[in-house]
Full PDB file with SEQRES, HELIX, SHEET, SSBOND, CRYST1, ORIGX, SCALE, CONECT and MASTER records, all heavy atoms in Angstrom:
SEQRES   1 A   39  GLY LEU GLN LEU ILE ASN PHE PHE SER HIS ARG ASN THR          
SEQRES   2 A   39  ASN ILE SER LEU SER GLY GLY LEU VAL GLY VAL PHE GLY          
SEQRES   3 A   39  PRO ASN GLY ALA GLY LYS SER SER LEU ILE ALA ASP ALA          
HELIX    1 AA1 LYS A   32  SER A   33  1                                   2    
HELIX    2 AA2 SER A   34  ASP A   38  3                                   5    
SHEET    1 AA1 2 LEU A   2  PHE A   7  0                                        
SHEET    2 AA1 2 HIS A  10  ILE A  15 -1                                        
CRYST1    1.000    1.000    1.000  90.00  90.00  90.00 P 1           1          
ORIGX1      1.000000  0.000000  0.000000        0.00000                         
ORIGX2      0.000000  1.000000  0.000000        0.00000                         
ORIGX3      0.000000  0.000000  1.000000        0.00000                         
SCALE1      1.000000  0.000000  0.000000        0.00000                         
SCALE2      0.000000  1.000000  0.000000        0.00000                         
SCALE3      0.000000  0.000000  1.000000        0.00000                         
ATOM      1  N   GLY A   1     234.621   1.022  39.270  1.00  0.00           N  
ATOM      2  CA  GLY A   1     234.658   0.670  37.856  1.00  0.00           C  
ATOM      3  C   GLY A   1     235.814  -0.240  37.504  1.00  0.00           C  
ATOM      4  O   GLY A   1     236.803  -0.333  38.229  1.00  0.00           O  
ATOM      5  N   LEU A   2     235.640  -0.925  36.379  1.00  0.00           N  
ATOM      6  CA  LEU A   2     236.661  -1.823  35.834  1.00  0.00           C  
ATOM      7  C   LEU A   2     236.832  -1.528  34.358  1.00  0.00           C  
ATOM      8  O   LEU A   2     235.851  -1.285  33.655  1.00  0.00           O  
ATOM      9  CB  LEU A   2     236.243  -3.288  35.972  1.00  0.00           C  
ATOM     10  CG  LEU A   2     236.034  -3.864  37.348  1.00  0.00           C  
ATOM     11  CD1 LEU A   2     235.334  -5.210  37.252  1.00  0.00           C  
ATOM     12  CD2 LEU A   2     237.358  -4.034  38.047  1.00  0.00           C  
ATOM     13  N   GLN A   3     238.078  -1.570  33.912  1.00  0.00           N  
ATOM     14  CA  GLN A   3     238.357  -1.478  32.486  1.00  0.00           C  
ATOM     15  C   GLN A   3     239.327  -2.602  32.140  1.00  0.00           C  
ATOM     16  O   GLN A   3     240.403  -2.697  32.740  1.00  0.00           O  
ATOM     17  CB  GLN A   3     238.964  -0.135  32.118  1.00  0.00           C  
ATOM     18  CG  GLN A   3     239.261  -0.027  30.640  1.00  0.00           C  
ATOM     19  CD  GLN A   3     239.910   1.292  30.264  1.00  0.00           C  
ATOM     20  OE1 GLN A   3     240.507   1.961  31.099  1.00  0.00           O  
ATOM     21  NE2 GLN A   3     239.792   1.661  29.005  1.00  0.00           N  
ATOM     22  N   LEU A   4     238.932  -3.460  31.223  1.00  0.00           N  
ATOM     23  CA  LEU A   4     239.746  -4.598  30.826  1.00  0.00           C  
ATOM     24  C   LEU A   4     240.031  -4.497  29.334  1.00  0.00           C  
ATOM     25  O   LEU A   4     239.101  -4.320  28.532  1.00  0.00           O  
ATOM     26  CB  LEU A   4     239.021  -5.916  31.090  1.00  0.00           C  
ATOM     27  CG  LEU A   4     238.808  -6.332  32.539  1.00  0.00           C  
ATOM     28  CD1 LEU A   4     237.727  -5.517  33.207  1.00  0.00           C  
ATOM     29  CD2 LEU A   4     238.431  -7.799  32.604  1.00  0.00           C  
ATOM     30  N   ILE A   5     241.301  -4.608  28.975  1.00  0.00           N  
ATOM     31  CA  ILE A   5     241.709  -4.600  27.571  1.00  0.00           C  
ATOM     32  C   ILE A   5     242.514  -5.868  27.312  1.00  0.00           C  
ATOM     33  O   ILE A   5     243.521  -6.113  28.002  1.00  0.00           O  
ATOM     34  CB  ILE A   5     242.551  -3.344  27.229  1.00  0.00           C  
ATOM     35  CG1 ILE A   5     241.746  -2.080  27.495  1.00  0.00           C  
ATOM     36  CG2 ILE A   5     243.033  -3.398  25.782  1.00  0.00           C  
ATOM     37  CD1 ILE A   5     242.547  -0.793  27.393  1.00  0.00           C  
ATOM     38  N   ASN A   6     242.054  -6.682  26.366  1.00  0.00           N  
ATOM     39  CA  ASN A   6     242.745  -7.921  25.987  1.00  0.00           C  
ATOM     40  C   ASN A   6     243.010  -8.830  27.181  1.00  0.00           C  
ATOM     41  O   ASN A   6     244.040  -9.492  27.243  1.00  0.00           O  
ATOM     42  CB  ASN A   6     244.057  -7.626  25.257  1.00  0.00           C  
ATOM     43  CG  ASN A   6     243.852  -6.856  23.981  1.00  0.00           C  
ATOM     44  OD1 ASN A   6     242.822  -6.992  23.326  1.00  0.00           O  
ATOM     45  ND2 ASN A   6     244.819  -6.031  23.629  1.00  0.00           N  
ATOM     46  N   PHE A   7     242.091  -8.860  28.115  1.00  0.00           N  
ATOM     47  CA  PHE A   7     242.236  -9.663  29.324  1.00  0.00           C  
ATOM     48  C   PHE A   7     241.305 -10.864  29.206  1.00  0.00           C  
ATOM     49  O   PHE A   7     240.085 -10.716  29.248  1.00  0.00           O  
ATOM     50  CB  PHE A   7     241.891  -8.825  30.555  1.00  0.00           C  
ATOM     51  CG  PHE A   7     242.218  -9.494  31.859  1.00  0.00           C  
ATOM     52  CD1 PHE A   7     243.514  -9.496  32.344  1.00  0.00           C  
ATOM     53  CD2 PHE A   7     241.232 -10.127  32.585  1.00  0.00           C  
ATOM     54  CE1 PHE A   7     243.813 -10.120  33.547  1.00  0.00           C  
ATOM     55  CE2 PHE A   7     241.517 -10.744  33.795  1.00  0.00           C  
ATOM     56  CZ  PHE A   7     242.818 -10.736  34.276  1.00  0.00           C  
ATOM     57  N   PHE A   8     241.881 -12.059  29.047  1.00  0.00           N  
ATOM     58  CA  PHE A   8     241.110 -13.270  28.765  1.00  0.00           C  
ATOM     59  C   PHE A   8     240.140 -13.005  27.617  1.00  0.00           C  
ATOM     60  O   PHE A   8     240.559 -12.564  26.560  1.00  0.00           O  
ATOM     61  CB  PHE A   8     240.395 -13.787  30.015  1.00  0.00           C  
ATOM     62  CG  PHE A   8     241.316 -14.419  31.029  1.00  0.00           C  
ATOM     63  CD1 PHE A   8     241.379 -13.927  32.317  1.00  0.00           C  
ATOM     64  CD2 PHE A   8     242.117 -15.496  30.704  1.00  0.00           C  
ATOM     65  CE1 PHE A   8     242.228 -14.502  33.259  1.00  0.00           C  
ATOM     66  CE2 PHE A   8     242.963 -16.079  31.637  1.00  0.00           C  
ATOM     67  CZ  PHE A   8     243.020 -15.579  32.912  1.00  0.00           C  
ATOM     68  N   SER A   9     238.838 -13.225  27.831  1.00  0.00           N  
ATOM     69  CA  SER A   9     237.868 -13.040  26.748  1.00  0.00           C  
ATOM     70  C   SER A   9     237.419 -11.589  26.597  1.00  0.00           C  
ATOM     71  O   SER A   9     236.652 -11.270  25.692  1.00  0.00           O  
ATOM     72  CB  SER A   9     236.646 -13.932  26.992  1.00  0.00           C  
ATOM     73  OG  SER A   9     235.996 -13.546  28.195  1.00  0.00           O  
ATOM     74  N   HIS A  10     237.894 -10.714  27.442  1.00  0.00           N  
ATOM     75  CA  HIS A  10     237.471  -9.301  27.409  1.00  0.00           C  
ATOM     76  C   HIS A  10     238.436  -8.489  26.545  1.00  0.00           C  
ATOM     77  O   HIS A  10     239.535  -8.159  26.973  1.00  0.00           O  
ATOM     78  CB  HIS A  10     237.434  -8.721  28.826  1.00  0.00           C  
ATOM     79  CG  HIS A  10     236.462  -9.410  29.718  1.00  0.00           C  
ATOM     80  ND1 HIS A  10     235.133  -9.071  29.755  1.00  0.00           N  
ATOM     81  CD2 HIS A  10     236.611 -10.443  30.584  1.00  0.00           C  
ATOM     82  CE1 HIS A  10     234.504  -9.851  30.614  1.00  0.00           C  
ATOM     83  NE2 HIS A  10     235.384 -10.699  31.128  1.00  0.00           N  
ATOM     84  N   ARG A  11     238.000  -8.153  25.333  1.00  0.00           N  
ATOM     85  CA  ARG A  11     238.849  -7.358  24.432  1.00  0.00           C  
ATOM     86  C   ARG A  11     238.848  -5.891  24.830  1.00  0.00           C  
ATOM     87  O   ARG A  11     239.871  -5.241  24.819  1.00  0.00           O  
ATOM     88  CB  ARG A  11     238.388  -7.506  22.977  1.00  0.00           C  
ATOM     89  CG  ARG A  11     238.527  -8.879  22.415  1.00  0.00           C  
ATOM     90  CD  ARG A  11     239.993  -9.317  22.398  1.00  0.00           C  
ATOM     91  NE  ARG A  11     240.097 -10.698  22.013  1.00  0.00           N  
ATOM     92  CZ  ARG A  11     240.816 -11.130  21.015  1.00  0.00           C  
ATOM     93  NH1 ARG A  11     241.525 -10.286  20.317  1.00  0.00           N  
ATOM     94  NH2 ARG A  11     240.842 -12.413  20.740  1.00  0.00           N  
ATOM     95  N   ASN A  12     237.660  -5.375  25.152  1.00  0.00           N  
ATOM     96  CA  ASN A  12     237.536  -3.980  25.588  1.00  0.00           C  
ATOM     97  C   ASN A  12     236.258  -3.881  26.410  1.00  0.00           C  
ATOM     98  O   ASN A  12     235.196  -3.591  25.883  1.00  0.00           O  
ATOM     99  CB  ASN A  12     237.513  -3.029  24.392  1.00  0.00           C  
ATOM    100  CG  ASN A  12     237.603  -1.577  24.844  1.00  0.00           C  
ATOM    101  OD1 ASN A  12     237.769  -1.279  26.020  1.00  0.00           O  
ATOM    102  ND2 ASN A  12     237.482  -0.664  23.890  1.00  0.00           N  
ATOM    103  N   THR A  13     236.359  -4.114  27.701  1.00  0.00           N  
ATOM    104  CA  THR A  13     235.205  -4.135  28.589  1.00  0.00           C  
ATOM    105  C   THR A  13     235.325  -3.014  29.606  1.00  0.00           C  
ATOM    106  O   THR A  13     236.351  -2.892  30.279  1.00  0.00           O  
ATOM    107  CB  THR A  13     235.109  -5.490  29.329  1.00  0.00           C  
ATOM    108  OG1 THR A  13     235.000  -6.538  28.364  1.00  0.00           O  
ATOM    109  CG2 THR A  13     233.922  -5.524  30.262  1.00  0.00           C  
ATOM    110  N   ASN A  14     234.299  -2.195  29.699  1.00  0.00           N  
ATOM    111  CA  ASN A  14     234.240  -1.119  30.690  1.00  0.00           C  
ATOM    112  C   ASN A  14     232.984  -1.311  31.518  1.00  0.00           C  
ATOM    113  O   ASN A  14     231.889  -1.430  30.972  1.00  0.00           O  
ATOM    114  CB  ASN A  14     234.185   0.254  30.009  1.00  0.00           C  
ATOM    115  CG  ASN A  14     235.490   0.611  29.352  1.00  0.00           C  
ATOM    116  OD1 ASN A  14     236.485   0.789  30.030  1.00  0.00           O  
ATOM    117  ND2 ASN A  14     235.486   0.687  28.032  1.00  0.00           N  
ATOM    118  N   ILE A  15     233.157  -1.320  32.837  1.00  0.00           N  
ATOM    119  CA  ILE A  15     232.028  -1.504  33.743  1.00  0.00           C  
ATOM    120  C   ILE A  15     232.068  -0.399  34.773  1.00  0.00           C  
ATOM    121  O   ILE A  15     233.090  -0.168  35.428  1.00  0.00           O  
ATOM    122  CB  ILE A  15     232.089  -2.878  34.440  1.00  0.00           C  
ATOM    123  CG1 ILE A  15     232.004  -3.996  33.401  1.00  0.00           C  
ATOM    124  CG2 ILE A  15     230.989  -3.003  35.479  1.00  0.00           C  
ATOM    125  CD1 ILE A  15     232.227  -5.371  33.960  1.00  0.00           C  
ATOM    126  N   SER A  16     230.947   0.289  34.921  1.00  0.00           N  
ATOM    127  CA  SER A  16     230.806   1.323  35.943  1.00  0.00           C  
ATOM    128  C   SER A  16     229.846   0.815  37.006  1.00  0.00           C  
ATOM    129  O   SER A  16     228.760   0.340  36.681  1.00  0.00           O  
ATOM    130  CB  SER A  16     230.271   2.608  35.307  1.00  0.00           C  
ATOM    131  OG  SER A  16     230.139   3.612  36.275  1.00  0.00           O  
ATOM    132  N   LEU A  17     230.264   0.896  38.259  1.00  0.00           N  
ATOM    133  CA  LEU A  17     229.448   0.419  39.369  1.00  0.00           C  
ATOM    134  C   LEU A  17     229.041   1.597  40.245  1.00  0.00           C  
ATOM    135  O   LEU A  17     229.842   2.479  40.511  1.00  0.00           O  
ATOM    136  CB  LEU A  17     230.221  -0.609  40.197  1.00  0.00           C  
ATOM    137  CG  LEU A  17     230.727  -1.820  39.421  1.00  0.00           C  
ATOM    138  CD1 LEU A  17     231.689  -2.626  40.267  1.00  0.00           C  
ATOM    139  CD2 LEU A  17     229.556  -2.679  38.987  1.00  0.00           C  
ATOM    140  N   SER A  18     227.805   1.565  40.720  1.00  0.00           N  
ATOM    141  CA  SER A  18     227.314   2.678  41.531  1.00  0.00           C  
ATOM    142  C   SER A  18     227.311   2.364  43.024  1.00  0.00           C  
ATOM    143  O   SER A  18     226.853   3.151  43.816  1.00  0.00           O  
ATOM    144  CB  SER A  18     225.901   3.061  41.069  1.00  0.00           C  
ATOM    145  OG  SER A  18     225.033   1.960  41.206  1.00  0.00           O  
ATOM    146  N   GLY A  19     227.818   1.213  43.400  1.00  0.00           N  
ATOM    147  CA  GLY A  19     227.853   0.849  44.820  1.00  0.00           C  
ATOM    148  C   GLY A  19     226.724  -0.111  45.147  1.00  0.00           C  
ATOM    149  O   GLY A  19     225.817  -0.342  44.359  1.00  0.00           O  
ATOM    150  N   GLY A  20     226.800  -0.684  46.322  1.00  0.00           N  
ATOM    151  CA  GLY A  20     225.795  -1.639  46.740  1.00  0.00           C  
ATOM    152  C   GLY A  20     226.131  -3.034  46.263  1.00  0.00           C  
ATOM    153  O   GLY A  20     227.205  -3.311  45.755  1.00  0.00           O  
ATOM    154  N   LEU A  21     225.185  -3.914  46.395  1.00  0.00           N  
ATOM    155  CA  LEU A  21     225.348  -5.305  46.017  1.00  0.00           C  
ATOM    156  C   LEU A  21     225.316  -5.437  44.502  1.00  0.00           C  
ATOM    157  O   LEU A  21     224.475  -4.834  43.835  1.00  0.00           O  
ATOM    158  CB  LEU A  21     224.223  -6.139  46.642  1.00  0.00           C  
ATOM    159  CG  LEU A  21     224.295  -7.635  46.486  1.00  0.00           C  
ATOM    160  CD1 LEU A  21     225.566  -8.184  47.138  1.00  0.00           C  
ATOM    161  CD2 LEU A  21     223.076  -8.274  47.120  1.00  0.00           C  
ATOM    162  N   VAL A  22     226.241  -6.223  43.962  1.00  0.00           N  
ATOM    163  CA  VAL A  22     226.338  -6.398  42.519  1.00  0.00           C  
ATOM    164  C   VAL A  22     226.213  -7.872  42.183  1.00  0.00           C  
ATOM    165  O   VAL A  22     226.847  -8.719  42.830  1.00  0.00           O  
ATOM    166  CB  VAL A  22     227.694  -5.869  41.993  1.00  0.00           C  
ATOM    167  CG1 VAL A  22     227.856  -6.174  40.518  1.00  0.00           C  
ATOM    168  CG2 VAL A  22     227.827  -4.382  42.253  1.00  0.00           C  
ATOM    169  N   GLY A  23     225.417  -8.188  41.205  1.00  0.00           N  
ATOM    170  CA  GLY A  23     225.298  -9.548  40.695  1.00  0.00           C  
ATOM    171  C   GLY A  23     225.734  -9.569  39.244  1.00  0.00           C  
ATOM    172  O   GLY A  23     225.418  -8.666  38.480  1.00  0.00           O  
ATOM    173  N   VAL A  24     226.489 -10.592  38.868  1.00  0.00           N  
ATOM    174  CA  VAL A  24     226.948 -10.736  37.491  1.00  0.00           C  
ATOM    175  C   VAL A  24     226.357 -12.037  36.960  1.00  0.00           C  
ATOM    176  O   VAL A  24     226.594 -13.100  37.525  1.00  0.00           O  
ATOM    177  CB  VAL A  24     228.493 -10.762  37.419  1.00  0.00           C  
ATOM    178  CG1 VAL A  24     228.960 -10.916  35.982  1.00  0.00           C  
ATOM    179  CG2 VAL A  24     229.081  -9.507  38.047  1.00  0.00           C  
ATOM    180  N   PHE A  25     225.584 -11.933  35.882  1.00  0.00           N  
ATOM    181  CA  PHE A  25     224.888 -13.086  35.326  1.00  0.00           C  
ATOM    182  C   PHE A  25     225.270 -13.275  33.870  1.00  0.00           C  
ATOM    183  O   PHE A  25     225.520 -12.305  33.164  1.00  0.00           O  
ATOM    184  CB  PHE A  25     223.363 -12.885  35.414  1.00  0.00           C  
ATOM    185  CG  PHE A  25     222.876 -12.648  36.805  1.00  0.00           C  
ATOM    186  CD1 PHE A  25     222.723 -11.359  37.298  1.00  0.00           C  
ATOM    187  CD2 PHE A  25     222.582 -13.722  37.631  1.00  0.00           C  
ATOM    188  CE1 PHE A  25     222.281 -11.134  38.590  1.00  0.00           C  
ATOM    189  CE2 PHE A  25     222.135 -13.506  38.927  1.00  0.00           C  
ATOM    190  CZ  PHE A  25     221.986 -12.218  39.403  1.00  0.00           C  
ATOM    191  N   GLY A  26     225.292 -14.515  33.434  1.00  0.00           N  
ATOM    192  CA  GLY A  26     225.575 -14.816  32.032  1.00  0.00           C  
ATOM    193  C   GLY A  26     225.839 -16.289  31.859  1.00  0.00           C  
ATOM    194  O   GLY A  26     225.985 -17.029  32.831  1.00  0.00           O  
ATOM    195  N   PRO A  27     225.928 -16.727  30.611  1.00  0.00           N  
ATOM    196  CA  PRO A  27     226.164 -18.152  30.354  1.00  0.00           C  
ATOM    197  C   PRO A  27     227.576 -18.568  30.756  1.00  0.00           C  
ATOM    198  O   PRO A  27     228.475 -17.725  30.883  1.00  0.00           O  
ATOM    199  CB  PRO A  27     225.955 -18.278  28.841  1.00  0.00           C  
ATOM    200  CG  PRO A  27     226.164 -16.909  28.299  1.00  0.00           C  
ATOM    201  CD  PRO A  27     225.770 -15.951  29.375  1.00  0.00           C  
ATOM    202  N   ASN A  28     227.761 -19.878  30.941  1.00  0.00           N  
ATOM    203  CA  ASN A  28     229.089 -20.410  31.259  1.00  0.00           C  
ATOM    204  C   ASN A  28     230.078 -20.011  30.169  1.00  0.00           C  
ATOM    205  O   ASN A  28     229.758 -20.037  28.979  1.00  0.00           O  
ATOM    206  CB  ASN A  28     229.045 -21.939  31.372  1.00  0.00           C  
ATOM    207  CG  ASN A  28     228.354 -22.379  32.642  1.00  0.00           C  
ATOM    208  OD1 ASN A  28     228.198 -21.620  33.586  1.00  0.00           O  
ATOM    209  ND2 ASN A  28     227.929 -23.636  32.651  1.00  0.00           N  
ATOM    210  N   GLY A  29     231.269 -19.613  30.590  1.00  0.00           N  
ATOM    211  CA  GLY A  29     232.318 -19.254  29.651  1.00  0.00           C  
ATOM    212  C   GLY A  29     232.237 -17.841  29.118  1.00  0.00           C  
ATOM    213  O   GLY A  29     233.024 -17.453  28.248  1.00  0.00           O  
ATOM    214  N   ALA A  30     231.298 -17.035  29.621  1.00  0.00           N  
ATOM    215  CA  ALA A  30     231.134 -15.671  29.121  1.00  0.00           C  
ATOM    216  C   ALA A  30     232.165 -14.703  29.696  1.00  0.00           C  
ATOM    217  O   ALA A  30     232.315 -13.598  29.186  1.00  0.00           O  
ATOM    218  CB  ALA A  30     229.725 -15.166  29.429  1.00  0.00           C  
ATOM    219  N   GLY A  31     232.873 -15.098  30.762  1.00  0.00           N  
ATOM    220  CA  GLY A  31     233.894 -14.221  31.339  1.00  0.00           C  
ATOM    221  C   GLY A  31     233.481 -13.576  32.644  1.00  0.00           C  
ATOM    222  O   GLY A  31     234.098 -12.608  33.077  1.00  0.00           O  
ATOM    223  N   LYS A  32     232.454 -14.102  33.292  1.00  0.00           N  
ATOM    224  CA  LYS A  32     231.986 -13.523  34.563  1.00  0.00           C  
ATOM    225  C   LYS A  32     233.064 -13.620  35.644  1.00  0.00           C  
ATOM    226  O   LYS A  32     233.385 -12.647  36.303  1.00  0.00           O  
ATOM    227  CB  LYS A  32     230.707 -14.221  35.038  1.00  0.00           C  
ATOM    228  CG  LYS A  32     229.541 -14.153  34.092  1.00  0.00           C  
ATOM    229  CD  LYS A  32     228.341 -14.928  34.596  1.00  0.00           C  
ATOM    230  CE  LYS A  32     228.591 -16.376  34.878  1.00  0.00           C  
ATOM    231  NZ  LYS A  32     228.866 -17.244  33.743  1.00  0.00           N  
ATOM    232  N   SER A  33     233.605 -14.808  35.816  1.00  0.00           N  
ATOM    233  CA  SER A  33     234.609 -15.018  36.869  1.00  0.00           C  
ATOM    234  C   SER A  33     235.876 -14.219  36.609  1.00  0.00           C  
ATOM    235  O   SER A  33     236.532 -13.771  37.546  1.00  0.00           O  
ATOM    236  CB  SER A  33     234.953 -16.496  36.998  1.00  0.00           C  
ATOM    237  OG  SER A  33     233.838 -17.216  37.439  1.00  0.00           O  
ATOM    238  N   SER A  34     236.212 -14.032  35.346  1.00  0.00           N  
ATOM    239  CA  SER A  34     237.432 -13.283  35.057  1.00  0.00           C  
ATOM    240  C   SER A  34     237.313 -11.813  35.453  1.00  0.00           C  
ATOM    241  O   SER A  34     238.321 -11.131  35.612  1.00  0.00           O  
ATOM    242  CB  SER A  34     237.829 -13.427  33.588  1.00  0.00           C  
ATOM    243  OG  SER A  34     236.864 -12.888  32.729  1.00  0.00           O  
ATOM    244  N   LEU A  35     236.096 -11.324  35.666  1.00  0.00           N  
ATOM    245  CA  LEU A  35     235.931  -9.936  36.116  1.00  0.00           C  
ATOM    246  C   LEU A  35     236.441  -9.743  37.544  1.00  0.00           C  
ATOM    247  O   LEU A  35     237.149  -8.781  37.826  1.00  0.00           O  
ATOM    248  CB  LEU A  35     234.461  -9.512  36.059  1.00  0.00           C  
ATOM    249  CG  LEU A  35     233.869  -9.313  34.685  1.00  0.00           C  
ATOM    250  CD1 LEU A  35     232.374  -9.042  34.791  1.00  0.00           C  
ATOM    251  CD2 LEU A  35     234.572  -8.194  33.964  1.00  0.00           C  
ATOM    252  N   ILE A  36     236.073 -10.625  38.455  1.00  0.00           N  
ATOM    253  CA  ILE A  36     236.456 -10.474  39.860  1.00  0.00           C  
ATOM    254  C   ILE A  36     237.599 -11.409  40.221  1.00  0.00           C  
ATOM    255  O   ILE A  36     238.642 -10.982  40.705  1.00  0.00           O  
ATOM    256  CB  ILE A  36     235.260 -10.738  40.796  1.00  0.00           C  
ATOM    257  CG1 ILE A  36     234.114  -9.778  40.490  1.00  0.00           C  
ATOM    258  CG2 ILE A  36     235.683 -10.630  42.253  1.00  0.00           C  
ATOM    259  CD1 ILE A  36     234.401  -8.325  40.721  1.00  0.00           C  
ATOM    260  N   ALA A  37     237.394 -12.696  39.963  1.00  0.00           N  
ATOM    261  CA  ALA A  37     238.376 -13.691  40.397  1.00  0.00           C  
ATOM    262  C   ALA A  37     239.733 -13.461  39.751  1.00  0.00           C  
ATOM    263  O   ALA A  37     240.740 -13.867  40.296  1.00  0.00           O  
ATOM    264  CB  ALA A  37     237.878 -15.093  40.072  1.00  0.00           C  
ATOM    265  N   ASP A  38     239.769 -12.823  38.607  1.00  0.00           N  
ATOM    266  CA  ASP A  38     241.046 -12.598  37.940  1.00  0.00           C  
ATOM    267  C   ASP A  38     241.365 -11.116  37.768  1.00  0.00           C  
ATOM    268  O   ASP A  38     242.423 -10.664  38.194  1.00  0.00           O  
ATOM    269  CB  ASP A  38     241.060 -13.301  36.584  1.00  0.00           C  
ATOM    270  CG  ASP A  38     240.982 -14.811  36.716  1.00  0.00           C  
ATOM    271  OD1 ASP A  38     241.737 -15.363  37.529  1.00  0.00           O  
ATOM    272  OD2 ASP A  38     240.161 -15.423  36.031  1.00  0.00           O  
ATOM    273  N   ALA A  39     240.466 -10.347  37.160  1.00  0.00           N  
ATOM    274  CA  ALA A  39     240.788  -8.952  36.842  1.00  0.00           C  
ATOM    275  C   ALA A  39     241.062  -8.118  38.093  1.00  0.00           C  
ATOM    276  O   ALA A  39     242.091  -7.455  38.189  1.00  0.00           O  
ATOM    277  CB  ALA A  39     239.664  -8.317  36.022  1.00  0.00           C  
TER     278      ALA A  39                                                      
MASTER        0    0    0    2    2    0    0    6  277    1    0    3          
END                                                                             
C-alpha cells in the first residue's frame, strides 16, 4: 500500500495493493508517475 499526503498532485491518496502485476492508467498529468517514480 501507499499513502500520499500533499505529495505533488496527491492531496490525500491511499492505495491498497493485493500483489501481482499492477497497471496504473490515466490521462497525462494525473499523477501516475509520481506514485512510483517519486513516492
